[in-house]
Protein backbone atom coordinates (compact mmCIF):
# COMPACT_ATOMS: atom_id res chain seq x y z
CA MET A 1 23.16 15.70 14.69
CA SER A 2 22.97 13.40 17.66
CA VAL A 3 23.31 9.92 18.06
CA TYR A 4 20.39 9.90 20.61
CA PRO A 5 17.08 11.09 19.01
CA ASP A 6 15.98 14.83 18.58
CA ILE A 7 12.60 13.80 17.98
CA ALA A 8 10.75 10.59 19.52
CA LEU A 9 7.66 9.52 18.23
CA ILE A 10 6.40 7.35 21.00
CA GLY A 11 2.75 6.12 20.02
CA VAL A 12 0.30 5.15 20.32
CA ALA A 13 0.33 1.67 18.86
CA LYS A 14 -1.88 1.84 15.76
CA GLY A 15 -1.93 5.45 16.01
CA GLY A 16 -0.58 6.48 12.81
CA THR A 17 3.15 6.24 13.84
CA THR A 18 4.11 4.41 10.65
CA ALA A 19 2.42 6.96 8.35
CA LEU A 20 3.89 10.17 10.28
CA ALA A 21 7.56 8.61 10.24
CA THR A 22 7.28 8.31 6.41
CA TRP A 23 6.09 12.20 6.05
CA PHE A 24 9.25 12.70 8.36
CA GLU A 25 11.55 11.02 5.87
CA SER A 26 10.56 13.39 2.94
CA HIS A 27 11.72 16.07 5.40
CA PRO A 28 15.27 17.31 4.19
CA GLU A 29 16.09 18.57 7.82
CA VAL A 30 15.20 15.14 9.26
CA ALA A 31 17.11 11.77 9.54
CA VAL A 32 14.85 9.01 10.22
CA SER A 33 16.16 5.89 12.28
CA ARG A 34 17.15 2.77 9.49
CA ILE A 35 14.91 0.71 11.98
CA LYS A 36 11.67 2.71 12.34
CA GLU A 37 10.97 1.19 15.60
CA PRO A 38 14.42 0.41 17.48
CA ASN A 39 12.81 0.58 21.10
CA PHE A 40 16.33 0.80 22.53
CA PHE A 41 15.12 2.99 25.55
CA SER A 42 12.36 0.40 26.37
CA THR A 43 15.18 -1.28 28.72
CA ASP A 44 12.10 -3.26 30.92
CA ILE A 45 10.97 -4.89 27.46
CA ARG A 46 13.18 -7.74 26.42
CA PRO A 47 12.68 -10.07 23.70
CA GLU A 48 13.71 -12.94 25.40
CA THR A 49 10.83 -12.60 27.66
CA PHE A 50 8.48 -12.55 24.61
CA SER A 51 6.25 -15.60 23.79
CA ARG A 52 6.83 -17.90 20.55
CA ALA A 53 3.99 -16.41 18.65
CA TYR A 54 5.16 -13.04 19.17
CA LEU A 55 8.47 -13.51 18.16
CA ARG A 56 7.41 -15.62 15.22
CA MET A 57 5.50 -12.59 13.85
CA SER A 58 8.59 -10.34 14.77
CA PRO A 59 11.81 -12.03 14.62
CA PRO A 60 14.80 -9.98 16.14
CA LEU A 61 17.23 -8.93 13.46
CA SER A 62 20.52 -11.29 13.07
CA ASP A 63 24.12 -10.49 12.97
CA SER A 64 23.88 -10.70 9.22
CA TYR A 65 21.64 -7.46 9.02
CA TRP A 66 24.24 -5.29 11.11
CA ALA A 67 27.16 -6.67 9.17
CA GLN A 68 25.64 -4.56 6.14
CA SER A 69 26.96 -1.15 5.50
CA PRO A 70 24.98 0.80 5.23
CA LEU A 71 22.14 -0.48 6.83
CA PRO A 72 19.09 -0.99 4.86
CA PRO A 73 15.65 0.40 6.25
CA GLU A 74 13.79 -2.15 8.45
CA HIS A 75 10.49 -1.70 10.34
CA GLN A 76 11.27 -2.95 14.02
CA ASP A 77 13.87 -4.53 16.53
CA PHE A 78 14.82 -4.35 20.31
CA VAL A 79 18.29 -2.78 20.08
CA GLN A 80 20.10 -3.39 23.14
CA ASP A 81 23.91 -2.27 21.90
CA ALA A 82 24.54 1.32 22.38
CA GLY A 83 26.74 0.84 19.28
CA ARG A 84 24.36 -0.62 17.18
CA TYR A 85 21.72 2.09 18.06
CA ALA A 86 24.28 4.88 16.92
CA ARG A 87 24.78 3.13 13.68
CA LEU A 88 20.78 3.81 12.81
CA PHE A 89 21.63 7.35 12.48
CA GLU A 90 25.02 7.02 10.32
CA HIS A 91 23.24 8.40 7.20
CA ALA A 92 22.30 11.78 9.30
CA GLN A 93 23.84 14.74 7.94
CA THR A 94 25.49 17.27 10.85
CA ALA A 95 22.34 19.85 10.53
CA GLN A 96 19.77 17.09 10.53
CA LYS A 97 17.72 16.42 13.50
CA THR A 98 17.53 12.62 14.16
CA LEU A 99 14.18 10.84 14.85
CA GLU A 100 12.89 7.34 15.69
CA ALA A 101 9.63 6.11 16.22
CA SER A 102 9.16 3.03 18.76
CA THR A 103 5.74 2.71 20.21
CA SER A 104 6.66 0.72 22.98
CA TYR A 105 8.15 3.89 24.68
CA PHE A 106 4.86 5.27 25.79
CA PHE A 107 4.02 1.64 27.41
CA SER A 108 7.52 1.28 28.84
CA LYS A 109 8.10 2.34 32.49
CA THR A 110 11.73 3.07 31.88
CA ALA A 111 11.62 4.71 28.64
CA PRO A 112 10.52 8.46 29.71
CA ASP A 113 13.82 8.51 32.07
CA ALA A 114 16.10 6.68 29.85
CA LEU A 115 15.25 8.88 26.77
CA PHE A 116 15.58 12.13 29.07
CA GLU A 117 19.01 11.13 30.33
CA ALA A 118 20.10 10.41 26.93
CA ASN A 119 18.63 13.64 25.01
CA PRO A 120 16.82 15.97 27.58
CA SER A 121 16.42 18.78 24.69
CA ALA A 122 14.44 15.94 22.68
CA HIS A 123 11.07 16.61 21.38
CA ILE A 124 8.78 13.89 22.22
CA VAL A 125 5.26 13.49 19.70
CA LEU A 126 2.60 11.25 20.90
CA ILE A 127 -0.77 10.89 19.23
CA LEU A 128 -3.62 9.22 21.08
CA ARG A 129 -6.45 7.47 19.45
CA ASN A 130 -10.08 6.91 20.86
CA PRO A 131 -8.97 3.76 22.76
CA VAL A 132 -11.80 1.70 21.11
CA GLU A 133 -10.82 2.24 17.92
CA ARG A 134 -7.01 1.66 18.40
CA ALA A 135 -8.03 -1.73 20.35
CA PHE A 136 -10.22 -2.44 17.20
CA SER A 137 -7.72 -1.78 15.11
CA HIS A 138 -4.76 -4.03 16.96
CA TYR A 139 -7.56 -6.80 17.03
CA ARG A 140 -7.76 -6.81 13.32
CA MET A 141 -4.14 -6.97 12.86
CA ALA A 142 -3.79 -9.80 15.51
CA ARG A 143 -6.34 -11.81 13.43
CA LYS A 144 -4.45 -11.34 10.32
CA TYR A 145 -1.04 -12.87 11.64
CA GLY A 146 -3.33 -15.82 13.31
CA MET A 147 -2.51 -14.77 16.95
CA VAL A 148 -6.51 -14.47 17.82
CA GLN A 149 -9.48 -16.05 16.70
CA SER A 150 -12.37 -15.16 18.78
CA ASP A 151 -14.51 -12.34 18.49
CA PHE A 152 -13.51 -8.78 19.57
CA LEU A 153 -15.43 -8.51 22.87
CA THR A 154 -14.24 -12.03 23.89
CA ALA A 155 -10.85 -11.03 22.98
CA LEU A 156 -11.09 -7.82 25.41
CA ALA A 157 -12.38 -10.00 28.03
CA GLU A 158 -9.71 -12.49 27.53
CA ASP A 159 -6.98 -9.80 27.57
CA ALA A 160 -8.13 -7.38 30.47
CA ALA A 161 -7.37 -10.69 32.64
CA GLN A 162 -3.74 -11.28 31.56
CA PRO A 163 -1.23 -8.67 33.19
CA ALA A 164 0.01 -6.26 30.99
CA ALA A 165 3.21 -7.52 29.51
CA TRP A 166 4.68 -6.24 25.99
CA GLY A 167 5.63 -9.24 23.64
CA GLN A 168 3.32 -11.68 26.11
CA SER A 169 -0.16 -10.93 25.24
CA GLU A 170 -1.89 -8.75 22.66
CA ASN A 171 -2.32 -6.18 25.64
CA PHE A 172 -5.56 -5.11 23.63
CA VAL A 173 -6.86 -3.32 26.72
CA HIS A 174 -3.75 -2.37 28.28
CA LEU A 175 -2.46 -0.50 25.19
CA SER A 176 -5.66 1.65 24.93
CA ARG A 177 -5.71 2.84 28.87
CA TYR A 178 -3.36 5.85 28.46
CA ALA A 179 -3.60 7.58 31.92
CA GLU A 180 -0.73 5.77 33.51
CA SER A 181 1.82 6.17 30.88
CA LEU A 182 0.86 9.79 30.20
CA ARG A 183 1.34 10.63 34.05
CA ARG A 184 4.67 8.79 33.46
CA TRP A 185 6.01 11.09 30.54
CA GLN A 186 4.15 14.33 31.79
CA SER A 187 6.11 13.87 35.21
CA ARG A 188 9.29 13.81 33.71
CA TRP A 189 9.25 15.72 30.54
CA PRO A 190 8.61 19.38 30.14
CA ALA A 191 5.39 20.29 28.53
CA GLN A 192 6.88 22.34 26.00
CA GLN A 193 8.78 19.35 24.76
CA LEU A 194 6.15 17.08 25.10
CA HIS A 195 3.52 17.25 21.86
CA ILE A 196 0.48 15.46 22.25
CA TYR A 197 -2.16 15.31 19.23
CA ARG A 198 -5.64 13.48 18.91
CA TYR A 199 -5.45 11.34 16.24
CA GLU A 200 -8.90 12.04 14.92
CA ASP A 201 -8.11 15.63 14.76
CA PHE A 202 -4.84 14.99 13.58
CA PHE A 203 -5.73 12.57 10.49
CA GLN A 204 -8.73 14.77 9.70
CA ASP A 205 -6.59 17.58 8.19
CA GLU A 206 -3.38 16.16 7.11
CA VAL A 207 -1.82 18.96 5.51
CA ALA A 208 -2.96 21.46 8.31
CA SER A 209 -1.70 19.10 11.18
CA TRP A 210 1.74 18.40 9.15
CA SER A 211 2.73 22.29 9.02
CA GLN A 212 1.62 22.58 12.75
CA LEU A 213 3.81 19.75 13.57
CA CYS A 214 6.88 21.03 11.76
CA LEU A 215 6.25 24.68 13.51
CA ASP A 216 5.89 22.81 16.97
CA LEU A 217 9.36 20.90 16.38
CA GLY A 218 11.23 23.57 14.94
CA LEU A 219 11.24 22.54 11.47
CA SER A 220 10.87 24.57 8.27
CA PRO A 221 7.93 24.38 6.55
CA HIS A 222 7.74 21.31 4.19
CA PRO A 223 5.11 20.07 1.71
CA LEU A 224 3.31 17.11 2.66
CA PRO A 225 4.28 13.80 0.85
CA GLU A 226 1.87 12.19 -1.31
CA ARG A 227 -0.76 10.88 1.26
CA THR A 228 0.38 7.82 2.88
CA LYS A 229 -2.53 5.77 3.73
CA VAL A 230 -2.85 5.05 7.70
CA PHE A 231 -2.91 1.15 7.06
CA GLU A 232 -5.82 -0.95 8.70
CA GLY A 233 -4.71 -4.29 7.51
CA GLN A 234 -7.31 -6.94 5.74
CA ASP A 235 -9.25 -9.21 7.63
CA PRO A 236 -8.95 -13.08 7.25
CA ALA A 237 -12.07 -14.89 5.92
CA TYR A 238 -11.36 -18.06 7.76
CA PRO A 239 -9.44 -17.06 11.20
CA ALA A 240 -8.77 -20.52 12.30
CA LEU A 241 -7.15 -21.29 9.33
CA GLN A 242 -4.85 -18.12 9.59
CA THR A 243 -3.85 -19.28 12.88
CA PHE A 244 -3.00 -22.35 11.49
CA LEU A 245 -1.08 -21.22 8.44
CA THR A 246 0.78 -18.73 10.37
CA GLN A 247 1.73 -20.23 13.54
CA HIS A 248 1.50 -24.21 13.27
CA PRO A 249 5.07 -25.20 11.90
CA VAL A 250 3.03 -27.67 9.55
CA GLY A 251 0.87 -24.80 8.32
CA ARG A 252 3.79 -22.64 7.77
CA TRP A 253 5.48 -25.47 5.58
CA LEU A 254 2.08 -25.77 3.68
CA LYS A 255 2.26 -22.25 2.84
CA SER A 256 5.74 -22.19 1.73
CA LEU A 257 4.62 -24.97 -0.83
CA ILE A 258 2.56 -22.56 -2.67
CA PRO A 259 3.97 -21.25 -5.78
CA SER A 260 4.80 -17.35 -6.22
CA THR A 261 2.72 -17.24 -9.29
CA LEU A 262 -0.49 -18.62 -7.07
CA ARG A 263 0.00 -16.63 -4.01
CA GLY A 264 -1.73 -13.74 -4.66
CA GLY A 265 -5.13 -15.77 -5.81
CA ALA A 266 -4.75 -17.80 -2.68
CA LYS A 267 -4.23 -14.53 -0.19
CA LYS A 268 -7.16 -13.09 -2.34
CA ALA A 269 -9.23 -16.34 -1.51
CA LEU A 270 -8.51 -16.25 2.09
CA THR A 271 -9.24 -12.63 2.58
CA ALA A 272 -12.33 -11.62 3.72
CA LYS A 273 -14.58 -9.65 1.23
CA SER A 274 -15.61 -6.80 3.11
CA ALA A 275 -13.75 -5.21 6.16
CA LEU A 276 -14.62 -6.17 9.67
CA SER A 277 -16.39 -3.44 11.56
CA LEU A 278 -17.99 -2.72 14.94
CA THR A 279 -21.93 -2.72 15.74
CA ALA A 280 -23.03 -0.07 18.00
CA ALA A 281 -23.69 -2.44 20.85
CA GLU A 282 -20.13 -3.93 20.64
CA ARG A 283 -18.60 -0.49 20.82
CA GLN A 284 -20.82 0.39 23.87
CA ALA A 285 -19.82 -2.79 25.46
CA ALA A 286 -16.35 -2.16 24.66
CA TRP A 287 -16.50 1.40 26.10
CA THR A 288 -16.92 -0.17 29.84
CA TYR A 289 -13.35 -1.15 29.70
CA PHE A 290 -11.92 2.61 29.09
CA GLU A 291 -14.54 4.83 30.68
CA THR A 292 -12.62 5.66 33.98
CA ASP A 293 -9.22 5.90 32.10
CA ARG A 294 -10.83 8.62 29.35
CA ALA A 295 -11.74 10.73 32.50
CA GLU A 296 -8.44 10.30 33.92
CA CYS A 297 -7.08 11.58 30.56
CA GLU A 298 -9.11 14.68 30.42
CA THR A 299 -8.07 15.76 33.55
CA LEU A 300 -4.30 15.12 33.07
CA LEU A 301 -4.68 16.87 29.18
CA ASN A 302 -7.04 19.44 30.50
CA ARG A 303 -9.17 18.96 27.64
CA PRO A 304 -12.41 17.23 26.91
CA LEU A 305 -12.41 13.87 24.96
CA SER A 306 -16.06 13.61 24.45
CA LEU A 307 -15.28 12.71 20.68
CA TRP A 308 -14.07 9.37 21.70
CA THR A 309 -17.55 7.49 22.21
């Protein structure tokens, strides 16, 4: 058992890492971090630089969380203290491999080196998703939390004009351009410890993929737990109202006044009756942001990515 991860799921964001972490929680030879995404090794990404909107959506954990023993499960934090990070694996047994799943690591410029210095024998798991589908899934989540109101193509254009900065903009485009991050990880980590899968293949046959992943990581075979849906979220029927209710202080106050017995009905009324989807024309237009990057990824991975169309 290590206080640093033996296995790190590094992304991509909206690439199924939450579902995969849930699978690992069922494996008796793995201890998953109490905070699924502690982001400890992304030392170049600091919460003090985040926008107010981002912090409102993902507020840092308070000292009261760390006062608890044992620590309860949480989804995300940006842990900066090494002692606190070690506590995330206090529940691990001596023979278990430790695992965490911070999707910022793939984006971070410092994480490849920092994680290698902490545990050079670790195994890295990366799932790459069709960049347009990843960006669209991310866009749907941002609409749900009131972070964006514009249509998808407008959101891509606005996002592409912004610098890549975690926690300051949505990074719909930047997080779907993989080549630069791939080069960083490939240049630092041995190929036999860097396990890269394509999302579309991995989740097409989950049983076979899970068996192969356990084999690749040196884990004993273990049944796949009851299927965990790769969550794509729900789409708001009224994006402007959703932004008001989630981002504006008056809107949040009004939302808090809704009796608990009525919240389910209110949520249903504010949710679109059909899921948002892309037209063929929108998909083709979105691809203009990623064509060059896809070609670079094909070279880096030495495999065709023609499925990504």
